[in-house]
Amino acid sequence: MKKIFSWWAIIFAIIAGLIILLVPDPAEKSNTLGGLGLAAIISLFFVIKSLNDQWSGTITEIKTEKKYQADDDGGETYDVDYAYIKLDNGKIKKMKSKKDWQVGDHLEKRRGQADVEVTR
C-alpha cells in the first residue's frame, strides 16, 4: 500500500514541478497548481477507496456489451466484456472482465491490494 501512495505522490510532485518550471505567469501558475491540488485530492480519495475495498465471489456470467464512444469523426462502437460476480454476501457485482477470467472462477479482492486475484 505504501508503494501505491509513493507512486501517487511522485507523479503529482513531478506534475507540480513541471508547472512551476513551465508556466511563466504567477497568477496562471497559482490557478494551475490549485487545480492540480484539487485533482490530487480527488484521485487520493479514489485510491484509498479502491485499496480499502474487500470482497470475494464467483463469476456467474460473462457478457459482451457494445459501447459507443463519440468523437470528432462520428464515433466508434466497440465490444466490452463484463463479468457478473455473485459475491459471498449474495449481491451481484458487474466489472470489466480480464481475458483469462472464466465462468466459475472464484475472485478475491483483498484490502490493501489494487488487483483482483483469481482463485480457481
N, C-alpha and C. Protein backbone atom coordinates (compact mmCIF):
# COMPACT_ATOMS: atom_id res chain seq x y z
N MET A 1 0.83 -1.18 0.00
CA MET A 1 0.00 0.00 0.00
C MET A 1 0.88 1.25 0.00
N LYS A 2 1.99 1.21 0.72
CA LYS A 2 2.89 2.36 0.75
C LYS A 2 3.47 2.63 -0.62
N LYS A 3 3.68 1.57 -1.39
CA LYS A 3 4.23 1.69 -2.74
C LYS A 3 3.28 2.50 -3.63
N ILE A 4 1.99 2.23 -3.53
CA ILE A 4 1.00 2.93 -4.34
C ILE A 4 0.94 4.40 -3.96
N PHE A 5 0.94 4.68 -2.64
CA PHE A 5 0.92 6.07 -2.20
C PHE A 5 2.19 6.80 -2.61
N SER A 6 3.32 6.10 -2.59
CA SER A 6 4.58 6.72 -3.01
C SER A 6 4.52 7.10 -4.48
N TRP A 7 4.02 6.18 -5.33
CA TRP A 7 3.89 6.49 -6.75
C TRP A 7 2.92 7.64 -6.97
N TRP A 8 1.83 7.66 -6.22
CA TRP A 8 0.85 8.74 -6.33
C TRP A 8 1.52 10.08 -6.02
N ALA A 9 2.27 10.13 -4.93
CA ALA A 9 2.94 11.38 -4.53
C ALA A 9 4.00 11.79 -5.55
N ILE A 10 4.76 10.83 -6.05
CA ILE A 10 5.82 11.14 -7.02
C ILE A 10 5.22 11.71 -8.30
N ILE A 11 4.14 11.10 -8.79
CA ILE A 11 3.51 11.57 -10.03
C ILE A 11 3.02 13.01 -9.87
N PHE A 12 2.32 13.30 -8.78
CA PHE A 12 1.80 14.65 -8.60
C PHE A 12 2.92 15.65 -8.32
N ALA A 13 3.99 15.22 -7.66
CA ALA A 13 5.14 16.11 -7.44
C ALA A 13 5.82 16.46 -8.77
N ILE A 14 5.95 15.50 -9.66
CA ILE A 14 6.55 15.76 -10.98
C ILE A 14 5.68 16.73 -11.77
N ILE A 15 4.37 16.52 -11.76
CA ILE A 15 3.47 17.43 -12.49
C ILE A 15 3.56 18.83 -11.90
N ALA A 16 3.58 18.94 -10.57
CA ALA A 16 3.69 20.26 -9.93
C ALA A 16 5.02 20.92 -10.30
N GLY A 17 6.10 20.16 -10.31
CA GLY A 17 7.40 20.70 -10.69
C GLY A 17 7.41 21.22 -12.11
N LEU A 18 6.78 20.47 -13.01
CA LEU A 18 6.69 20.92 -14.40
C LEU A 18 5.88 22.21 -14.53
N ILE A 19 4.82 22.31 -13.77
CA ILE A 19 4.00 23.53 -13.79
C ILE A 19 4.83 24.71 -13.30
N ILE A 20 5.54 24.51 -12.20
CA ILE A 20 6.36 25.59 -11.65
C ILE A 20 7.43 26.04 -12.66
N LEU A 21 8.03 25.08 -13.36
CA LEU A 21 9.08 25.41 -14.31
C LEU A 21 8.56 25.99 -15.62
N LEU A 22 7.42 25.52 -16.09
CA LEU A 22 6.99 25.86 -17.45
C LEU A 22 5.94 26.96 -17.54
N VAL A 23 5.25 27.27 -16.46
CA VAL A 23 4.21 28.30 -16.52
C VAL A 23 4.80 29.62 -16.02
N PRO A 24 4.95 30.60 -16.92
CA PRO A 24 5.64 31.84 -16.53
C PRO A 24 4.79 32.82 -15.70
N ASP A 25 3.50 32.91 -15.98
CA ASP A 25 2.64 33.88 -15.32
C ASP A 25 2.30 33.42 -13.90
N PRO A 26 2.63 34.22 -12.87
CA PRO A 26 2.37 33.80 -11.47
C PRO A 26 0.90 33.53 -11.17
N ALA A 27 -0.02 34.34 -11.73
CA ALA A 27 -1.44 34.12 -11.48
C ALA A 27 -1.90 32.81 -12.12
N GLU A 28 -1.45 32.58 -13.35
CA GLU A 28 -1.82 31.34 -14.03
C GLU A 28 -1.20 30.14 -13.32
N LYS A 29 0.02 30.29 -12.85
CA LYS A 29 0.70 29.22 -12.12
C LYS A 29 -0.06 28.87 -10.85
N SER A 30 -0.52 29.91 -10.15
CA SER A 30 -1.27 29.70 -8.90
C SER A 30 -2.58 28.95 -9.17
N ASN A 31 -3.30 29.39 -10.21
CA ASN A 31 -4.56 28.73 -10.56
C ASN A 31 -4.33 27.28 -10.98
N THR A 32 -3.28 27.06 -11.76
CA THR A 32 -2.99 25.71 -12.25
C THR A 32 -2.60 24.79 -11.10
N LEU A 33 -1.78 25.30 -10.18
CA LEU A 33 -1.39 24.48 -9.02
C LEU A 33 -2.59 24.20 -8.11
N GLY A 34 -3.50 25.16 -8.02
CA GLY A 34 -4.73 24.93 -7.24
C GLY A 34 -5.58 23.82 -7.86
N GLY A 35 -5.70 23.85 -9.18
CA GLY A 35 -6.44 22.79 -9.88
C GLY A 35 -5.76 21.44 -9.73
N LEU A 36 -4.43 21.44 -9.79
CA LEU A 36 -3.69 20.20 -9.59
C LEU A 36 -3.89 19.66 -8.18
N GLY A 37 -3.91 20.56 -7.20
CA GLY A 37 -4.15 20.13 -5.82
C GLY A 37 -5.52 19.50 -5.66
N LEU A 38 -6.52 20.10 -6.30
CA LEU A 38 -7.87 19.53 -6.26
C LEU A 38 -7.91 18.16 -6.93
N ALA A 39 -7.24 18.05 -8.07
CA ALA A 39 -7.18 16.75 -8.77
C ALA A 39 -6.47 15.71 -7.91
N ALA A 40 -5.43 16.13 -7.20
CA ALA A 40 -4.69 15.20 -6.34
C ALA A 40 -5.58 14.70 -5.20
N ILE A 41 -6.36 15.59 -4.62
CA ILE A 41 -7.26 15.20 -3.52
C ILE A 41 -8.32 14.22 -4.02
N ILE A 42 -8.91 14.53 -5.19
CA ILE A 42 -9.93 13.65 -5.74
C ILE A 42 -9.34 12.28 -6.07
N SER A 43 -8.17 12.26 -6.69
CA SER A 43 -7.56 10.97 -7.04
C SER A 43 -7.16 10.20 -5.79
N LEU A 44 -6.71 10.89 -4.75
CA LEU A 44 -6.36 10.22 -3.49
C LEU A 44 -7.59 9.55 -2.88
N PHE A 45 -8.74 10.20 -2.97
CA PHE A 45 -9.99 9.62 -2.48
C PHE A 45 -10.27 8.29 -3.18
N PHE A 46 -10.12 8.26 -4.51
CA PHE A 46 -10.39 7.03 -5.26
C PHE A 46 -9.34 5.95 -5.01
N VAL A 47 -8.08 6.35 -4.81
CA VAL A 47 -7.04 5.38 -4.49
C VAL A 47 -7.34 4.73 -3.14
N ILE A 48 -7.67 5.53 -2.15
CA ILE A 48 -7.99 4.99 -0.82
C ILE A 48 -9.22 4.10 -0.88
N LYS A 49 -10.25 4.55 -1.61
CA LYS A 49 -11.47 3.74 -1.74
C LYS A 49 -11.16 2.39 -2.38
N SER A 50 -10.35 2.40 -3.44
CA SER A 50 -10.00 1.16 -4.11
C SER A 50 -9.19 0.23 -3.21
N LEU A 51 -8.26 0.78 -2.48
CA LEU A 51 -7.42 -0.05 -1.61
C LEU A 51 -8.17 -0.59 -0.41
N ASN A 52 -9.20 0.13 0.06
CA ASN A 52 -9.97 -0.34 1.21
C ASN A 52 -11.06 -1.34 0.84
N ASP A 53 -11.34 -1.45 -0.46
CA ASP A 53 -12.37 -2.37 -0.93
C ASP A 53 -11.94 -3.82 -0.68
N GLN A 54 -12.89 -4.63 -0.22
CA GLN A 54 -12.60 -6.04 0.06
C GLN A 54 -13.85 -6.86 -0.24
N TRP A 55 -13.70 -7.87 -1.10
CA TRP A 55 -14.82 -8.74 -1.44
C TRP A 55 -14.30 -10.02 -2.06
N SER A 56 -15.20 -11.00 -2.17
CA SER A 56 -14.89 -12.23 -2.89
C SER A 56 -16.19 -12.80 -3.44
N GLY A 57 -16.06 -13.52 -4.54
CA GLY A 57 -17.25 -14.08 -5.16
C GLY A 57 -16.89 -14.93 -6.37
N THR A 58 -17.92 -15.45 -7.01
CA THR A 58 -17.74 -16.36 -8.14
C THR A 58 -18.37 -15.76 -9.39
N ILE A 59 -17.64 -15.87 -10.52
CA ILE A 59 -18.16 -15.37 -11.79
C ILE A 59 -19.31 -16.28 -12.23
N THR A 60 -20.49 -15.69 -12.42
CA THR A 60 -21.65 -16.46 -12.84
C THR A 60 -21.92 -16.31 -14.34
N GLU A 61 -21.41 -15.21 -14.92
CA GLU A 61 -21.71 -14.95 -16.33
C GLU A 61 -20.71 -13.92 -16.87
N ILE A 62 -20.33 -14.08 -18.12
CA ILE A 62 -19.53 -13.08 -18.82
C ILE A 62 -20.29 -12.68 -20.07
N LYS A 63 -20.61 -11.39 -20.17
CA LYS A 63 -21.38 -10.88 -21.30
C LYS A 63 -20.55 -9.86 -22.06
N THR A 64 -20.73 -9.85 -23.37
CA THR A 64 -20.11 -8.84 -24.22
C THR A 64 -21.16 -7.79 -24.54
N GLU A 65 -20.82 -6.53 -24.22
CA GLU A 65 -21.74 -5.42 -24.49
C GLU A 65 -21.09 -4.47 -25.48
N LYS A 66 -21.90 -3.91 -26.34
CA LYS A 66 -21.41 -2.93 -27.30
C LYS A 66 -21.45 -1.55 -26.65
N LYS A 67 -20.34 -0.83 -26.77
CA LYS A 67 -20.24 0.53 -26.24
C LYS A 67 -19.97 1.47 -27.39
N TYR A 68 -20.55 2.65 -27.32
CA TYR A 68 -20.34 3.66 -28.35
C TYR A 68 -19.55 4.81 -27.75
N GLN A 69 -18.49 5.22 -28.43
CA GLN A 69 -17.69 6.35 -27.99
C GLN A 69 -17.70 7.40 -29.09
N ALA A 70 -18.29 8.54 -28.77
CA ALA A 70 -18.38 9.62 -29.75
C ALA A 70 -17.05 10.37 -29.83
N ASP A 71 -16.72 10.82 -31.03
CA ASP A 71 -15.55 11.67 -31.22
C ASP A 71 -15.81 12.58 -32.42
N ASP A 72 -14.82 13.32 -32.84
CA ASP A 72 -14.98 14.29 -33.93
C ASP A 72 -15.30 13.63 -35.27
N ASP A 73 -14.90 12.39 -35.44
CA ASP A 73 -15.13 11.67 -36.70
C ASP A 73 -16.48 10.94 -36.73
N GLY A 74 -17.28 11.11 -35.72
CA GLY A 74 -18.60 10.48 -35.71
C GLY A 74 -18.74 9.39 -34.68
N GLY A 75 -17.65 8.86 -34.19
CA GLY A 75 -17.72 7.86 -33.14
C GLY A 75 -17.40 6.47 -33.59
N GLU A 76 -17.33 5.59 -32.61
CA GLU A 76 -16.93 4.21 -32.86
C GLU A 76 -17.63 3.29 -31.86
N THR A 77 -18.04 2.13 -32.35
CA THR A 77 -18.64 1.13 -31.47
C THR A 77 -17.62 0.01 -31.25
N TYR A 78 -17.50 -0.42 -30.01
CA TYR A 78 -16.56 -1.49 -29.68
C TYR A 78 -17.18 -2.40 -28.63
N ASP A 79 -16.63 -3.61 -28.51
CA ASP A 79 -17.14 -4.60 -27.57
C ASP A 79 -16.36 -4.54 -26.26
N VAL A 80 -17.10 -4.67 -25.15
CA VAL A 80 -16.50 -4.73 -23.83
C VAL A 80 -17.06 -5.96 -23.12
N ASP A 81 -16.19 -6.80 -22.58
CA ASP A 81 -16.61 -7.98 -21.82
C ASP A 81 -16.78 -7.61 -20.36
N TYR A 82 -17.94 -7.95 -19.80
CA TYR A 82 -18.23 -7.71 -18.39
C TYR A 82 -18.44 -9.04 -17.68
N ALA A 83 -17.86 -9.15 -16.50
CA ALA A 83 -18.07 -10.33 -15.66
C ALA A 83 -19.12 -9.97 -14.61
N TYR A 84 -20.08 -10.85 -14.43
CA TYR A 84 -21.07 -10.70 -13.38
C TYR A 84 -20.65 -11.65 -12.27
N ILE A 85 -20.37 -11.09 -11.10
CA ILE A 85 -19.80 -11.85 -9.99
C ILE A 85 -20.82 -11.90 -8.86
N LYS A 86 -21.15 -13.13 -8.44
CA LYS A 86 -22.03 -13.28 -7.28
C LYS A 86 -21.13 -13.26 -6.05
N LEU A 87 -21.26 -12.20 -5.27
CA LEU A 87 -20.44 -12.04 -4.08
C LEU A 87 -20.89 -13.00 -2.99
N ASP A 88 -20.01 -13.22 -2.03
CA ASP A 88 -20.32 -14.14 -0.93
C ASP A 88 -21.52 -13.66 -0.11
N ASN A 89 -21.80 -12.35 -0.14
CA ASN A 89 -22.95 -11.83 0.61
C ASN A 89 -24.24 -11.88 -0.21
N GLY A 90 -24.19 -12.44 -1.43
CA GLY A 90 -25.38 -12.62 -2.26
C GLY A 90 -25.61 -11.54 -3.30
N LYS A 91 -24.89 -10.42 -3.21
CA LYS A 91 -25.06 -9.34 -4.17
C LYS A 91 -24.35 -9.69 -5.48
N ILE A 92 -24.74 -9.00 -6.55
CA ILE A 92 -24.12 -9.19 -7.86
C ILE A 92 -23.26 -7.96 -8.16
N LYS A 93 -22.03 -8.19 -8.57
CA LYS A 93 -21.10 -7.12 -8.92
C LYS A 93 -20.77 -7.25 -10.40
N LYS A 94 -20.84 -6.13 -11.13
CA LYS A 94 -20.51 -6.11 -12.56
C LYS A 94 -19.20 -5.35 -12.72
N MET A 95 -18.23 -5.99 -13.38
CA MET A 95 -16.97 -5.30 -13.66
C MET A 95 -16.38 -5.80 -14.96
N LYS A 96 -15.48 -4.99 -15.53
CA LYS A 96 -14.84 -5.40 -16.78
C LYS A 96 -14.09 -6.70 -16.54
N SER A 97 -14.27 -7.61 -17.47
CA SER A 97 -13.64 -8.93 -17.37
C SER A 97 -12.22 -8.88 -17.92
N LYS A 98 -11.34 -9.61 -17.28
CA LYS A 98 -9.99 -9.77 -17.82
C LYS A 98 -10.01 -10.96 -18.77
N LYS A 99 -9.04 -11.01 -19.69
CA LYS A 99 -9.04 -12.02 -20.76
C LYS A 99 -9.03 -13.47 -20.23
N ASP A 100 -8.33 -13.71 -19.13
CA ASP A 100 -8.21 -15.10 -18.65
C ASP A 100 -9.32 -15.51 -17.68
N TRP A 101 -10.26 -14.63 -17.38
CA TRP A 101 -11.35 -14.99 -16.48
C TRP A 101 -12.35 -15.89 -17.19
N GLN A 102 -12.90 -16.86 -16.42
CA GLN A 102 -13.88 -17.79 -16.97
C GLN A 102 -15.04 -17.92 -15.98
N VAL A 103 -16.19 -18.31 -16.50
CA VAL A 103 -17.34 -18.57 -15.65
C VAL A 103 -16.96 -19.67 -14.67
N GLY A 104 -17.26 -19.46 -13.39
CA GLY A 104 -16.93 -20.43 -12.35
C GLY A 104 -15.68 -20.06 -11.56
N ASP A 105 -14.87 -19.14 -12.09
CA ASP A 105 -13.68 -18.69 -11.35
C ASP A 105 -14.10 -17.98 -10.08
N HIS A 106 -13.35 -18.22 -9.02
CA HIS A 106 -13.57 -17.51 -7.76
C HIS A 106 -12.59 -16.34 -7.71
N LEU A 107 -13.12 -15.13 -7.50
CA LEU A 107 -12.31 -13.92 -7.46
C LEU A 107 -12.25 -13.39 -6.04
N GLU A 108 -11.12 -12.79 -5.71
CA GLU A 108 -10.97 -12.20 -4.38
C GLU A 108 -10.21 -10.88 -4.48
N LYS A 109 -10.81 -9.82 -3.92
CA LYS A 109 -10.17 -8.52 -3.83
C LYS A 109 -9.87 -8.29 -2.36
N ARG A 110 -8.58 -8.25 -2.02
CA ARG A 110 -8.16 -8.09 -0.63
C ARG A 110 -7.90 -6.63 -0.31
N ARG A 111 -8.17 -6.26 0.93
CA ARG A 111 -7.90 -4.91 1.40
C ARG A 111 -6.40 -4.63 1.28
N GLY A 112 -6.05 -3.48 0.73
CA GLY A 112 -4.66 -3.09 0.59
C GLY A 112 -4.05 -3.47 -0.75
N GLN A 113 -4.77 -4.26 -1.55
CA GLN A 113 -4.28 -4.65 -2.87
C GLN A 113 -5.12 -3.96 -3.93
N ALA A 114 -4.47 -3.62 -5.03
CA ALA A 114 -5.18 -2.93 -6.11
C ALA A 114 -5.85 -3.91 -7.07
N ASP A 115 -5.29 -5.09 -7.23
CA ASP A 115 -5.78 -6.05 -8.21
C ASP A 115 -6.66 -7.13 -7.59
N VAL A 116 -7.47 -7.72 -8.47
CA VAL A 116 -8.34 -8.84 -8.08
C VAL A 116 -7.58 -10.14 -8.38
N GLU A 117 -7.60 -11.07 -7.45
CA GLU A 117 -6.94 -12.37 -7.63
C GLU A 117 -7.95 -13.44 -8.05
N VAL A 118 -7.52 -14.32 -8.96
CA VAL A 118 -8.33 -15.47 -9.36
C VAL A 118 -7.87 -16.66 -8.52
N THR A 119 -8.81 -17.25 -7.79
CA THR A 119 -8.51 -18.46 -7.02
C THR A 119 -9.43 -19.54 -7.53
N ARG A 120 -8.98 -20.28 -8.52
CA ARG A 120 -9.83 -21.27 -9.20
C ARG A 120 -10.11 -22.46 -8.32
